[in-house]
Amino acid sequence: MPPTRLRAIQADITTLDVDAIVNAANRTLLGGGGVDGAIHRAAGPALLHACKQLDGCATGQAKITQGYRLPAKYVIHTVGPIWFGGGQGEADQLRDCYRNALQLAVEHEARSIAFPAISTGIYGYPVASAAAIAVATAQAFVAQQPALQEILFCCFSDADLKVYASLLNPG
C-alpha cells in the first residue's frame, strides 16, 4: 500500500470530493457558525435530523453521519477545545479530536479525509500550535494505520495554508 499523502489546501471544505470531511462542531452537534454552519447549510436539513439522534458530543470525541447533499460520503463531527491559554488540557483534547476522527474514518473504510483547522476560529486556539498538533497526530496515526490514502488539511485563509504547508514541507 502506498504511503498516505498529507496535503494542505485552501478551499471550501463543503465542496471537496473526499470520502469524509470533518466538522468542527459544538457540543450539541446542531449547527452553529463558521465551518459547522457551512457544512450544515451545504448538507441540507437531513444532517440536522441525523445529528439530533446523536445526543451531542463531548470535547475531543467524534461521531459520524452521512454527508447527505455534500460530495463527501461522511461527515465526522468533532468538538475541539476552547483555548484557555494551554494549561487546561487543550492540546490533549485537540489531539483526541484528530485521532478519533481518523479512527472513525478508517472504521467506515474511508480512503480520504479533509480536516478544517479545528478550534482555531471562535474557540481561539493559536493556529501554529493547532496545526502542529494536527499534522503530528495525522503522521503518527498513519504510521500505525496506513489504510487512508489521503489526508487534507483544508485551510480557510492563505495565512493558515502557509502554516500547514511549512509543517508538511519543511525546508
Foldseek 3Di string as FASTA:
>chain_A
DDFAAEAEDADLQQADQFQEEEAQAAQQLQADDDNRPVQDVQQDPVSNVVSNVVRGDDQLAWDKDASHNGSHRIYIYHHAAQDPPPPPCRLVSLLSNLLNSVVVCVVVQTQEYEYELHCVPPSPDDLLSSLVSNVVSVVVNCVVPVSHRYYYHHYNDPVSNVSNCCVSPPD
